[in-house]
C-alpha cells in the first residue's frame, strides 16, 4: 500500500524539532563560551583573538555551524508562534499566519546565508 502525504506539515515539524535540538544543545554552549568565558577571561585571549575569530569564520564548516545556529531556531520560533496564535483562538487567518511565520524564518535564513557568504 502506498502512502501519500498531501501536506507540507511534516517538513515544518521536522524543522521545529531540529531547531529545538539546536536551542537546547548548541545555543547554550555557544552563549556560554562567547558571552561569558571569553569576555571574563576564563579562556586565553590569544586563543580567541579577533584575527583568530576572523580565520575561524573563514572555514566553511564554521559557516555551516553558524547557519544552523541561526536558521533552525528561527524555524523553531515560527512553528511555536504559529501554534501559540492558534491556541489564542485566532482560527480565521490560519493560512496567512503560517505564511507570515514561516516566511519570516525563510527570510531570516536567506539573510543569514547572504551574511555568511559575504564574510
PDB file of N, CA and C in Angstrom:
ATOM      1  N   UNK A   1       0.836  -1.180   0.000  1.00  0.00           N
ATOM      2  CA  UNK A   1       0.000   0.000   0.000  1.00  0.00           C
ATOM      3  C   UNK A   1       0.881   1.242   0.000  1.00  0.00           C
ATOM      4  N   UNK A   2       0.598   2.140  -0.893  1.00  0.00           N
ATOM      5  CA  UNK A   2       1.371   3.370  -0.994  1.00  0.00           C
ATOM      6  C   UNK A   2       0.778   4.420  -0.072  1.00  0.00           C
ATOM      7  N   UNK A   3       1.666   5.162   0.575  1.00  0.00           N
ATOM      8  CA  UNK A   3       1.250   6.227   1.479  1.00  0.00           C
ATOM      9  C   UNK A   3       1.651   7.551   0.871  1.00  0.00           C
ATOM     10  N   UNK A   4       0.705   8.438   0.751  1.00  0.00           N
ATOM     11  CA  UNK A   4       0.974   9.735   0.138  1.00  0.00           C
ATOM     12  C   UNK A   4       0.678  10.838   1.149  1.00  0.00           C
ATOM     13  N   UNK A   5       1.616  11.755   1.285  1.00  0.00           N
ATOM     14  CA  UNK A   5       1.448  12.887   2.182  1.00  0.00           C
ATOM     15  C   UNK A   5       0.996  14.083   1.347  1.00  0.00           C
ATOM     16  N   UNK A   6      -0.173  14.618   1.683  1.00  0.00           N
ATOM     17  CA  UNK A   6      -0.725  15.729   0.912  1.00  0.00           C
ATOM     18  C   UNK A   6      -0.423  17.086   1.532  1.00  0.00           C
ATOM     19  N   UNK A   7       0.427  17.128   2.510  1.00  0.00           N
ATOM     20  CA  UNK A   7       0.697  18.374   3.194  1.00  0.00           C
ATOM     21  C   UNK A   7       2.198  18.552   3.394  1.00  0.00           C
ATOM     22  N   UNK A   8       2.583  19.777   3.647  1.00  0.00           N
ATOM     23  CA  UNK A   8       3.980  20.083   3.915  1.00  0.00           C
ATOM     24  C   UNK A   8       4.247  20.121   5.422  1.00  0.00           C
ATOM     25  N   UNK A   9       3.231  19.824   6.201  1.00  0.00           N
ATOM     26  CA  UNK A   9       3.310  19.907   7.657  1.00  0.00           C
ATOM     27  C   UNK A   9       4.462  19.085   8.262  1.00  0.00           C
ATOM     28  N   UNK A  10       4.764  17.880   7.791  1.00  0.00           N
ATOM     29  CA  UNK A  10       5.912  17.147   8.363  1.00  0.00           C
ATOM     30  C   UNK A  10       7.239  17.879   8.207  1.00  0.00           C
ATOM     31  N   UNK A  11       7.397  18.653   7.140  1.00  0.00           N
ATOM     32  CA  UNK A  11       8.614  19.443   6.960  1.00  0.00           C
ATOM     33  C   UNK A  11       8.736  20.474   8.076  1.00  0.00           C
ATOM     34  N   UNK A  12       7.640  21.190   8.369  1.00  0.00           N
ATOM     35  CA  UNK A  12       7.673  22.205   9.427  1.00  0.00           C
ATOM     36  C   UNK A  12       7.924  21.570  10.783  1.00  0.00           C
ATOM     37  N   UNK A  13       7.314  20.410  11.042  1.00  0.00           N
ATOM     38  CA  UNK A  13       7.551  19.726  12.321  1.00  0.00           C
ATOM     39  C   UNK A  13       9.002  19.259  12.426  1.00  0.00           C
ATOM     40  N   UNK A  14       9.573  18.810  11.321  1.00  0.00           N
ATOM     41  CA  UNK A  14      10.981  18.398  11.329  1.00  0.00           C
ATOM     42  C   UNK A  14      11.912  19.560  11.616  1.00  0.00           C
ATOM     43  N   UNK A  15      11.660  20.708  10.978  1.00  0.00           N
ATOM     44  CA  UNK A  15      12.472  21.888  11.241  1.00  0.00           C
ATOM     45  C   UNK A  15      12.269  22.383  12.670  1.00  0.00           C
ATOM     46  N   UNK A  16      11.039  22.238  13.182  1.00  0.00           N
ATOM     47  CA  UNK A  16      10.756  22.613  14.566  1.00  0.00           C
ATOM     48  C   UNK A  16      11.594  21.774  15.531  1.00  0.00           C
ATOM     49  N   UNK A  17      11.630  20.486  15.319  1.00  0.00           N
ATOM     50  CA  UNK A  17      12.381  19.607  16.222  1.00  0.00           C
ATOM     51  C   UNK A  17      13.889  19.798  16.069  1.00  0.00           C
ATOM     52  N   UNK A  18      14.350  20.037  14.860  1.00  0.00           N
ATOM     53  CA  UNK A  18      15.780  20.314  14.673  1.00  0.00           C
ATOM     54  C   UNK A  18      16.152  21.614  15.375  1.00  0.00           C
ATOM     55  N   UNK A  19      15.283  22.611  15.275  1.00  0.00           N
ATOM     56  CA  UNK A  19      15.515  23.867  15.971  1.00  0.00           C
ATOM     57  C   UNK A  19      15.503  23.693  17.478  1.00  0.00           C
ATOM     58  N   UNK A  20      14.638  22.813  17.969  1.00  0.00           N
ATOM     59  CA  UNK A  20      14.597  22.543  19.413  1.00  0.00           C
ATOM     60  C   UNK A  20      15.915  21.923  19.874  1.00  0.00           C
ATOM     61  N   UNK A  21      16.468  21.048  19.069  1.00  0.00           N
ATOM     62  CA  UNK A  21      17.764  20.454  19.418  1.00  0.00           C
ATOM     63  C   UNK A  21      18.877  21.472  19.451  1.00  0.00           C
ATOM     64  N   UNK A  22      18.878  22.377  18.479  1.00  0.00           N
ATOM     65  CA  UNK A  22      19.895  23.424  18.443  1.00  0.00           C
ATOM     66  C   UNK A  22      19.735  24.367  19.626  1.00  0.00           C
ATOM     67  N   UNK A  23      18.484  24.774  19.895  1.00  0.00           N
ATOM     68  CA  UNK A  23      18.231  25.689  21.008  1.00  0.00           C
ATOM     69  C   UNK A  23      18.587  25.043  22.340  1.00  0.00           C
ATOM     70  N   UNK A  24      18.352  23.763  22.457  1.00  0.00           N
ATOM     71  CA  UNK A  24      18.610  23.081  23.721  1.00  0.00           C
ATOM     72  C   UNK A  24      20.052  22.653  23.926  1.00  0.00           C
ATOM     73  N   UNK A  25      20.777  22.367  22.849  1.00  0.00           N
ATOM     74  CA  UNK A  25      22.113  21.805  22.996  1.00  0.00           C
ATOM     75  C   UNK A  25      23.239  22.766  22.566  1.00  0.00           C
ATOM     76  N   UNK A  26      23.129  23.342  21.394  1.00  0.00           N
ATOM     77  CA  UNK A  26      24.225  24.154  20.868  1.00  0.00           C
ATOM     78  C   UNK A  26      24.199  25.597  21.357  1.00  0.00           C
ATOM     79  N   UNK A  27      23.033  26.206  21.383  1.00  0.00           N
ATOM     80  CA  UNK A  27      22.933  27.618  21.723  1.00  0.00           C
ATOM     81  C   UNK A  27      23.431  27.935  23.133  1.00  0.00           C
ATOM     82  N   UNK A  28      23.087  27.149  24.163  1.00  0.00           N
ATOM     83  CA  UNK A  28      23.620  27.472  25.499  1.00  0.00           C
ATOM     84  C   UNK A  28      25.147  27.407  25.570  1.00  0.00           C
ATOM     85  N   UNK A  29      25.732  26.430  24.916  1.00  0.00           N
ATOM     86  CA  UNK A  29      27.195  26.309  24.917  1.00  0.00           C
ATOM     87  C   UNK A  29      27.818  27.479  24.166  1.00  0.00           C
ATOM     88  N   UNK A  30      27.242  27.836  23.040  1.00  0.00           N
ATOM     89  CA  UNK A  30      27.754  28.962  22.255  1.00  0.00           C
ATOM     90  C   UNK A  30      27.649  30.265  23.050  1.00  0.00           C
ATOM     91  N   UNK A  31      26.527  30.479  23.713  1.00  0.00           N
ATOM     92  CA  UNK A  31      26.354  31.694  24.520  1.00  0.00           C
ATOM     93  C   UNK A  31      27.328  31.697  25.697  1.00  0.00           C
ATOM     94  N   UNK A  32      27.519  30.554  26.329  1.00  0.00           N
ATOM     95  CA  UNK A  32      28.447  30.483  27.458  1.00  0.00           C
ATOM     96  C   UNK A  32      29.870  30.825  27.032  1.00  0.00           C
ATOM     97  N   UNK A  33      30.323  30.216  25.957  1.00  0.00           N
ATOM     98  CA  UNK A  33      31.699  30.442  25.527  1.00  0.00           C
ATOM     99  C   UNK A  33      31.894  31.878  25.037  1.00  0.00           C
ATOM    100  N   UNK A  34      31.029  32.334  24.119  1.00  0.00           N
ATOM    101  CA  UNK A  34      31.221  33.661  23.522  1.00  0.00           C
ATOM    102  C   UNK A  34      30.668  34.798  24.366  1.00  0.00           C
ATOM    103  N   UNK A  35      29.745  34.507  25.268  1.00  0.00           N
ATOM    104  CA  UNK A  35      29.147  35.562  26.058  1.00  0.00           C
ATOM    105  C   UNK A  35      29.702  35.690  27.459  1.00  0.00           C
ATOM    106  N   UNK A  36      30.282  34.610  27.987  1.00  0.00           N
ATOM    107  CA  UNK A  36      30.819  34.652  29.348  1.00  0.00           C
ATOM    108  C   UNK A  36      32.297  34.302  29.430  1.00  0.00           C
ATOM    109  N   UNK A  37      32.668  33.148  28.911  1.00  0.00           N
ATOM    110  CA  UNK A  37      34.027  32.641  29.103  1.00  0.00           C
ATOM    111  C   UNK A  37      35.077  33.552  28.465  1.00  0.00           C
ATOM    112  N   UNK A  38      34.852  33.985  27.245  1.00  0.00           N
ATOM    113  CA  UNK A  38      35.837  34.840  26.578  1.00  0.00           C
ATOM    114  C   UNK A  38      35.879  36.236  27.194  1.00  0.00           C
ATOM    115  N   UNK A  39      34.728  36.924  27.378  1.00  0.00           N
ATOM    116  CA  UNK A  39      34.805  38.281  27.965  1.00  0.00           C
ATOM    117  C   UNK A  39      35.335  38.308  29.398  1.00  0.00           C
ATOM    118  N   UNK A  40      35.072  37.267  30.185  1.00  0.00           N
ATOM    119  CA  UNK A  40      35.539  37.254  31.569  1.00  0.00           C
ATOM    120  C   UNK A  40      36.971  36.755  31.712  1.00  0.00           C
ATOM    121  N   UNK A  41      37.590  36.361  30.609  1.00  0.00           N
ATOM    122  CA  UNK A  41      38.985  35.951  30.629  1.00  0.00           C
ATOM    123  C   UNK A  41      39.212  34.525  31.084  1.00  0.00           C
ATOM    124  N   UNK A  42      38.179  33.731  31.111  1.00  0.00           N
ATOM    125  CA  UNK A  42      38.339  32.330  31.508  1.00  0.00           C
ATOM    126  C   UNK A  42      39.045  31.526  30.426  1.00  0.00           C
ATOM    127  N   UNK A  43      39.016  32.034  29.199  1.00  0.00           N
ATOM    128  CA  UNK A  43      39.691  31.405  28.069  1.00  0.00           C
ATOM    129  C   UNK A  43      40.794  32.360  27.645  1.00  0.00           C
ATOM    130  N   UNK A  44      41.990  31.874  27.368  1.00  0.00           N
ATOM    131  CA  UNK A  44      43.081  32.764  26.961  1.00  0.00           C
ATOM    132  C   UNK A  44      42.701  33.580  25.723  1.00  0.00           C
ATOM    133  N   UNK A  45      42.976  34.872  25.767  1.00  0.00           N
ATOM    134  CA  UNK A  45      42.575  35.746  24.665  1.00  0.00           C
ATOM    135  C   UNK A  45      43.325  35.450  23.376  1.00  0.00           C
ATOM    136  N   UNK A  46      44.542  34.909  23.479  1.00  0.00           N
ATOM    137  CA  UNK A  46      45.265  34.586  22.245  1.00  0.00           C
ATOM    138  C   UNK A  46      44.595  33.447  21.492  1.00  0.00           C
ATOM    139  N   UNK A  47      43.841  32.613  22.206  1.00  0.00           N
ATOM    140  CA  UNK A  47      43.121  31.526  21.546  1.00  0.00           C
ATOM    141  C   UNK A  47      41.887  32.042  20.820  1.00  0.00           C
ATOM    142  N   UNK A  48      41.328  33.167  21.274  1.00  0.00           N
ATOM    143  CA  UNK A  48      40.108  33.703  20.683  1.00  0.00           C
ATOM    144  C   UNK A  48      40.231  35.186  20.379  1.00  0.00           C
ATOM    145  N   UNK A  49      41.361  35.591  19.861  1.00  0.00           N
ATOM    146  CA  UNK A  49      41.549  36.983  19.481  1.00  0.00           C
ATOM    147  C   UNK A  49      40.789  37.307  18.200  1.00  0.00           C
ATOM    148  N   UNK A  50      40.749  38.580  17.834  1.00  0.00           N
ATOM    149  CA  UNK A  50      39.990  38.986  16.639  1.00  0.00           C
ATOM    150  C   UNK A  50      40.492  38.328  15.351  1.00  0.00           C
ATOM    151  N   UNK A  51      41.812  38.212  15.203  1.00  0.00           N
ATOM    152  CA  UNK A  51      42.345  37.593  13.994  1.00  0.00           C
ATOM    153  C   UNK A  51      42.017  36.101  13.954  1.00  0.00           C
ATOM    154  N   UNK A  52      42.095  35.461  15.094  1.00  0.00           N
ATOM    155  CA  UNK A  52      41.758  34.031  15.176  1.00  0.00           C
ATOM    156  C   UNK A  52      40.290  33.801  14.832  1.00  0.00           C
ATOM    157  N   UNK A  53      39.420  34.686  15.343  1.00  0.00           N
ATOM    158  CA  UNK A  53      37.984  34.555  15.043  1.00  0.00           C
ATOM    159  C   UNK A  53      37.723  34.785  13.552  1.00  0.00           C
ATOM    160  N   UNK A  54      38.404  35.755  12.958  1.00  0.00           N
ATOM    161  CA  UNK A  54      38.230  36.022  11.526  1.00  0.00           C
ATOM    162  C   UNK A  54      38.665  34.811  10.709  1.00  0.00           C
ATOM    163  N   UNK A  55      39.772  34.183  11.096  1.00  0.00           N
ATOM    164  CA  UNK A  55      40.230  32.974  10.405  1.00  0.00           C
ATOM    165  C   UNK A  55      39.245  31.825  10.604  1.00  0.00           C
ATOM    166  N   UNK A  56      38.677  31.741  11.795  1.00  0.00           N
ATOM    167  CA  UNK A  56      37.724  30.675  12.097  1.00  0.00           C
ATOM    168  C   UNK A  56      36.468  30.802  11.247  1.00  0.00           C
ATOM    169  N   UNK A  57      35.965  32.016  11.106  1.00  0.00           N
ATOM    170  CA  UNK A  57      34.743  32.233  10.322  1.00  0.00           C
ATOM    171  C   UNK A  57      34.999  31.981   8.840  1.00  0.00           C
ATOM    172  N   UNK A  58      36.224  32.027   8.411  1.00  0.00           N
ATOM    173  CA  UNK A  58      36.559  31.720   7.027  1.00  0.00           C
ATOM    174  C   UNK A  58      36.413  30.248   6.691  1.00  0.00           C
ATOM    175  N   UNK A  59      36.379  29.398   7.682  1.00  0.00           N
ATOM    176  CA  UNK A  59      36.235  27.961   7.474  1.00  0.00           C
ATOM    177  C   UNK A  59      34.789  27.634   7.085  1.00  0.00           C
ATOM    178  N   UNK A  60      34.586  26.857   6.007  1.00  0.00           N
ATOM    179  CA  UNK A  60      33.220  26.531   5.578  1.00  0.00           C
ATOM    180  C   UNK A  60      32.412  25.751   6.627  1.00  0.00           C
ATOM    181  N   UNK A  61      33.071  24.907   7.413  1.00  0.00           N
ATOM    182  CA  UNK A  61      32.334  24.169   8.448  1.00  0.00           C
ATOM    183  C   UNK A  61      31.832  25.095   9.560  1.00  0.00           C
ATOM    184  N   UNK A  62      32.618  26.110   9.884  1.00  0.00           N
ATOM    185  CA  UNK A  62      32.184  27.086  10.887  1.00  0.00           C
ATOM    186  C   UNK A  62      31.027  27.903  10.343  1.00  0.00           C
ATOM    187  N   UNK A  63      31.073  28.245   9.079  1.00  0.00           N
ATOM    188  CA  UNK A  63      29.959  28.971   8.463  1.00  0.00           C
ATOM    189  C   UNK A  63      28.690  28.128   8.468  1.00  0.00           C
ATOM    190  N   UNK A  64      28.830  26.843   8.176  1.00  0.00           N
ATOM    191  CA  UNK A  64      27.672  25.949   8.230  1.00  0.00           C
ATOM    192  C   UNK A  64      27.120  25.860   9.649  1.00  0.00           C
ATOM    193  N   UNK A  65      28.012  25.775  10.637  1.00  0.00           N
ATOM    194  CA  UNK A  65      27.600  25.757  12.041  1.00  0.00           C
ATOM    195  C   UNK A  65      26.831  27.028  12.393  1.00  0.00           C
ATOM    196  N   UNK A  66      27.341  28.180  11.967  1.00  0.00           N
ATOM    197  CA  UNK A  66      26.668  29.447  12.259  1.00  0.00           C
ATOM    198  C   UNK A  66      25.322  29.535  11.548  1.00  0.00           C
ATOM    199  N   UNK A  67      25.237  29.002  10.338  1.00  0.00           N
ATOM    200  CA  UNK A  67      23.958  28.983   9.633  1.00  0.00           C
ATOM    201  C   UNK A  67      22.937  28.129  10.376  1.00  0.00           C
ATOM    202  N   UNK A  68      23.372  26.963  10.829  1.00  0.00           N
ATOM    203  CA  UNK A  68      22.483  26.098  11.614  1.00  0.00           C
ATOM    204  C   UNK A  68      22.098  26.782  12.917  1.00  0.00           C
ATOM    205  N   UNK A  69      23.046  27.461  13.538  1.00  0.00           N
ATOM    206  CA  UNK A  69      22.810  28.142  14.812  1.00  0.00           C
ATOM    207  C   UNK A  69      21.809  29.285  14.673  1.00  0.00           C
ATOM    208  N   UNK A  70      21.715  29.864  13.497  1.00  0.00           N
ATOM    209  CA  UNK A  70      20.779  30.973  13.282  1.00  0.00           C
ATOM    210  C   UNK A  70      19.457  30.481  12.695  1.00  0.00           C
ATOM    211  N   UNK A  71      19.508  29.649  11.674  1.00  0.00           N
ATOM    212  CA  UNK A  71      18.292  29.335  10.920  1.00  0.00           C
ATOM    213  C   UNK A  71      17.352  28.361  11.629  1.00  0.00           C
ATOM    214  N   UNK A  72      17.864  27.313  12.220  1.00  0.00           N
ATOM    215  CA  UNK A  72      16.957  26.336  12.834  1.00  0.00           C
ATOM    216  C   UNK A  72      16.182  26.894  14.024  1.00  0.00           C
ATOM    217  N   UNK A  73      16.787  27.720  14.891  1.00  0.00           N
ATOM    218  CA  UNK A  73      15.953  28.350  15.926  1.00  0.00           C
ATOM    219  C   UNK A  73      14.883  29.285  15.358  1.00  0.00           C
ATOM    220  N   UNK A  74      15.125  29.873  14.183  1.00  0.00           N
ATOM    221  CA  UNK A  74      14.088  30.691  13.557  1.00  0.00           C
ATOM    222  C   UNK A  74      12.874  29.844  13.183  1.00  0.00           C
ATOM    223  N   UNK A  75      13.113  28.659  12.640  1.00  0.00           N
ATOM    224  CA  UNK A  75      12.001  27.775  12.296  1.00  0.00           C
ATOM    225  C   UNK A  75      11.320  27.228  13.551  1.00  0.00           C
ATOM    226  N   UNK A  76      12.095  27.018  14.590  1.00  0.00           N
ATOM    227  CA  UNK A  76      11.514  26.597  15.866  1.00  0.00           C
ATOM    228  C   UNK A  76      10.575  27.685  16.379  1.00  0.00           C
ATOM    229  N   UNK A  77      11.039  28.935  16.340  1.00  0.00           N
ATOM    230  CA  UNK A  77      10.197  30.056  16.762  1.00  0.00           C
ATOM    231  C   UNK A  77       8.943  30.152  15.904  1.00  0.00           C
ATOM    232  N   UNK A  78       9.098  30.035  14.588  1.00  0.00           N
ATOM    233  CA  UNK A  78       7.962  30.193  13.676  1.00  0.00           C
ATOM    234  C   UNK A  78       6.873  29.165  13.982  1.00  0.00           C
ATOM    235  N   UNK A  79       7.267  27.927  14.196  1.00  0.00           N
ATOM    236  CA  UNK A  79       6.290  26.872  14.467  1.00  0.00           C
ATOM    237  C   UNK A  79       5.626  27.094  15.819  1.00  0.00           C
ATOM    238  N   UNK A  80       6.405  27.432  16.830  1.00  0.00           N
ATOM    239  CA  UNK A  80       5.832  27.701  18.156  1.00  0.00           C
ATOM    240  C   UNK A  80       4.871  28.877  18.118  1.00  0.00           C
ATOM    241  N   UNK A  81       5.259  29.956  17.448  1.00  0.00           N
ATOM    242  CA  UNK A  81       4.427  31.150  17.395  1.00  0.00           C
ATOM    243  C   UNK A  81       3.137  30.885  16.623  1.00  0.00           C
ATOM    244  N   UNK A  82       3.237  30.109  15.538  1.00  0.00           N
ATOM    245  CA  UNK A  82       2.040  29.776  14.761  1.00  0.00           C
ATOM    246  C   UNK A  82       1.023  29.050  15.629  1.00  0.00           C
ATOM    247  N   UNK A  83       1.473  28.065  16.386  1.00  0.00           N
ATOM    248  CA  UNK A  83       0.531  27.316  17.212  1.00  0.00           C
ATOM    249  C   UNK A  83       0.131  28.087  18.466  1.00  0.00           C
ATOM    250  N   UNK A  84       0.952  29.028  18.916  1.00  0.00           N
ATOM    251  CA  UNK A  84       0.564  29.900  20.017  1.00  0.00           C
ATOM    252  C   UNK A  84      -0.605  30.787  19.589  1.00  0.00           C
ATOM    253  N   UNK A  85      -0.510  31.352  18.400  1.00  0.00           N
ATOM    254  CA  UNK A  85      -1.600  32.183  17.884  1.00  0.00           C
ATOM    255  C   UNK A  85      -2.854  31.340  17.696  1.00  0.00           C
ATOM    256  N   UNK A  86      -2.690  30.117  17.227  1.00  0.00           N
ATOM    257  CA  UNK A  86      -3.819  29.204  17.068  1.00  0.00           C
ATOM    258  C   UNK A  86      -4.460  28.899  18.421  1.00  0.00           C
ATOM    259  N   UNK A  87      -3.636  28.709  19.457  1.00  0.00           N
ATOM    260  CA  UNK A  87      -4.157  28.445  20.797  1.00  0.00           C
ATOM    261  C   UNK A  87      -4.854  29.655  21.403  1.00  0.00           C
ATOM    262  N   UNK A  88      -4.493  30.854  20.940  1.00  0.00           N
ATOM    263  CA  UNK A  88      -5.180  32.053  21.407  1.00  0.00           C
ATOM    264  C   UNK A  88      -6.615  32.133  20.882  1.00  0.00           C
ATOM    265  N   UNK A  89      -6.918  31.318  19.899  1.00  0.00           N
ATOM    266  CA  UNK A  89      -8.268  31.296  19.352  1.00  0.00           C
ATOM    267  C   UNK A  89      -8.406  32.005  18.027  1.00  0.00           C
ATOM    268  N   UNK A  90      -7.304  32.386  17.430  1.00  0.00           N
ATOM    269  CA  UNK A  90      -7.358  33.052  16.124  1.00  0.00           C
ATOM    270  C   UNK A  90      -7.318  31.972  15.048  1.00  0.00           C
ATOM    271  N   UNK A  91      -8.501  31.478  14.686  1.00  0.00           N
ATOM    272  CA  UNK A  91      -8.604  30.388  13.717  1.00  0.00           C
ATOM    273  C   UNK A  91      -8.945  30.886  12.316  1.00  0.00           C
ATOM    274  N   UNK A  92      -9.360  32.134  12.217  1.00  0.00           N
ATOM    275  CA  UNK A  92      -9.833  32.654  10.936  1.00  0.00           C
ATOM    276  C   UNK A  92      -8.688  32.797   9.944  1.00  0.00           C
ATOM    277  N   UNK A  93      -7.613  33.389  10.374  1.00  0.00           N
ATOM    278  CA  UNK A  93      -6.498  33.685   9.468  1.00  0.00           C
ATOM    279  C   UNK A  93      -5.395  32.648   9.618  1.00  0.00           C
ATOM    280  N   UNK A  94      -5.744  31.401   9.509  1.00  0.00           N
ATOM    281  CA  UNK A  94      -4.780  30.324   9.729  1.00  0.00           C
ATOM    282  C   UNK A  94      -3.651  30.313   8.702  1.00  0.00           C
ATOM    283  N   UNK A  95      -4.019  30.369   7.441  1.00  0.00           N
ATOM    284  CA  UNK A  95      -3.011  30.289   6.391  1.00  0.00           C
ATOM    285  C   UNK A  95      -2.119  31.536   6.357  1.00  0.00           C
ATOM    286  N   UNK A  96      -2.667  32.757   6.436  1.00  0.00           N
ATOM    287  CA  UNK A  96      -1.765  33.922   6.427  1.00  0.00           C
ATOM    288  C   UNK A  96      -0.797  33.944   7.609  1.00  0.00           C
ATOM    289  N   UNK A  97      -1.220  33.461   8.762  1.00  0.00           N
ATOM    290  CA  UNK A  97      -0.318  33.423   9.916  1.00  0.00           C
ATOM    291  C   UNK A  97       0.820  32.447   9.655  1.00  0.00           C
ATOM    292  N   UNK A  98       0.493  31.306   9.076  1.00  0.00           N
ATOM    293  CA  UNK A  98       1.530  30.326   8.740  1.00  0.00           C
ATOM    294  C   UNK A  98       2.512  30.898   7.727  1.00  0.00           C
ATOM    295  N   UNK A  99       1.986  31.583   6.727  1.00  0.00           N
ATOM    296  CA  UNK A  99       2.854  32.171   5.700  1.00  0.00           C
ATOM    297  C   UNK A  99       3.749  33.241   6.317  1.00  0.00           C
ATOM    298  N   UNK A 100       3.188  34.075   7.201  1.00  0.00           N
ATOM    299  CA  UNK A 100       3.990  35.108   7.850  1.00  0.00           C
ATOM    300  C   UNK A 100       5.070  34.500   8.744  1.00  0.00           C
ATOM    301  N   UNK A 101       4.707  33.509   9.532  1.00  0.00           N
ATOM    302  CA  UNK A 101       5.679  32.902  10.456  1.00  0.00           C
ATOM    303  C   UNK A 101       6.802  32.202   9.707  1.00  0.00           C
ATOM    304  N   UNK A 102       6.429  31.281   8.832  1.00  0.00           N
ATOM    305  CA  UNK A 102       7.455  30.531   8.119  1.00  0.00           C
ATOM    306  C   UNK A 102       8.183  31.414   7.106  1.00  0.00           C
ATOM    307  N   UNK A 103       7.476  32.397   6.556  1.00  0.00           N
ATOM    308  CA  UNK A 103       8.121  33.353   5.653  1.00  0.00           C
ATOM    309  C   UNK A 103       9.196  34.152   6.363  1.00  0.00           C
ATOM    310  N   UNK A 104       8.908  34.567   7.600  1.00  0.00           N
ATOM    311  CA  UNK A 104       9.915  35.294   8.382  1.00  0.00           C
ATOM    312  C   UNK A 104      11.128  34.414   8.651  1.00  0.00           C
ATOM    313  N   UNK A 105      10.908  33.145   8.942  1.00  0.00           N
ATOM    314  CA  UNK A 105      12.026  32.220   9.177  1.00  0.00           C
ATOM    315  C   UNK A 105      12.838  32.012   7.897  1.00  0.00           C
ATOM    316  N   UNK A 106      12.162  31.926   6.773  1.00  0.00           N
ATOM    317  CA  UNK A 106      12.863  31.752   5.498  1.00  0.00           C
ATOM    318  C   UNK A 106      13.664  33.001   5.160  1.00  0.00           C
ATOM    319  N   UNK A 107      13.065  34.176   5.365  1.00  0.00           N
ATOM    320  CA  UNK A 107      13.780  35.434   5.105  1.00  0.00           C
ATOM    321  C   UNK A 107      14.999  35.552   6.022  1.00  0.00           C
ATOM    322  N   UNK A 108      14.841  35.195   7.291  1.00  0.00           N
ATOM    323  CA  UNK A 108      15.974  35.217   8.218  1.00  0.00           C
ATOM    324  C   UNK A 108      17.079  34.274   7.797  1.00  0.00           C
ATOM    325  N   UNK A 109      16.703  33.106   7.300  1.00  0.00           N
ATOM    326  CA  UNK A 109      17.692  32.140   6.831  1.00  0.00           C
ATOM    327  C   UNK A 109      18.420  32.671   5.599  1.00  0.00           C
ATOM    328  N   UNK A 110      17.684  33.258   4.671  1.00  0.00           N
ATOM    329  CA  UNK A 110      18.312  33.829   3.476  1.00  0.00           C
ATOM    330  C   UNK A 110      19.261  34.957   3.845  1.00  0.00           C
ATOM    331  N   UNK A 111      18.857  35.811   4.789  1.00  0.00           N
ATOM    332  CA  UNK A 111      19.745  36.888   5.234  1.00  0.00           C
ATOM    333  C   UNK A 111      20.996  36.328   5.910  1.00  0.00           C
ATOM    334  N   UNK A 112      20.845  35.248   6.672  1.00  0.00           N
ATOM    335  CA  UNK A 112      21.997  34.613   7.297  1.00  0.00           C
ATOM    336  C   UNK A 112      22.947  34.049   6.252  1.00  0.00           C
ATOM    337  N   UNK A 113      22.393  33.421   5.212  1.00  0.00           N
ATOM    338  CA  UNK A 113      23.227  32.874   4.129  1.00  0.00           C
ATOM    339  C   UNK A 113      23.980  34.004   3.429  1.00  0.00           C
ATOM    340  N   UNK A 114      23.274  35.105   3.123  1.00  0.00           N
ATOM    341  CA  UNK A 114      23.916  36.241   2.437  1.00  0.00           C
ATOM    342  C   UNK A 114      25.040  36.800   3.317  1.00  0.00           C
ATOM    343  N   UNK A 115      24.782  36.958   4.604  1.00  0.00           N
ATOM    344  CA  UNK A 115      25.794  37.499   5.501  1.00  0.00           C
ATOM    345  C   UNK A 115      27.002  36.572   5.598  1.00  0.00           C
ATOM    346  N   UNK A 116      26.760  35.275   5.716  1.00  0.00           N
ATOM    347  CA  UNK A 116      27.872  34.335   5.839  1.00  0.00           C
ATOM    348  C   UNK A 116      28.671  34.220   4.549  1.00  0.00           C
ATOM    349  N   UNK A 117      28.022  34.374   3.414  1.00  0.00           N
ATOM    350  CA  UNK A 117      28.746  34.320   2.144  1.00  0.00           C
ATOM    351  C   UNK A 117      29.643  35.544   1.994  1.00  0.00           C
ATOM    352  N   UNK A 118      29.177  36.697   2.484  1.00  0.00           N
ATOM    353  CA  UNK A 118      29.949  37.934   2.360  1.00  0.00           C
ATOM    354  C   UNK A 118      31.119  38.009   3.328  1.00  0.00           C
ATOM    355  N   UNK A 119      31.131  37.202   4.382  1.00  0.00           N
ATOM    356  CA  UNK A 119      32.235  37.248   5.339  1.00  0.00           C
ATOM    357  C   UNK A 119      33.521  36.737   4.739  1.00  0.00           C
TER     358      UNK A 119
END
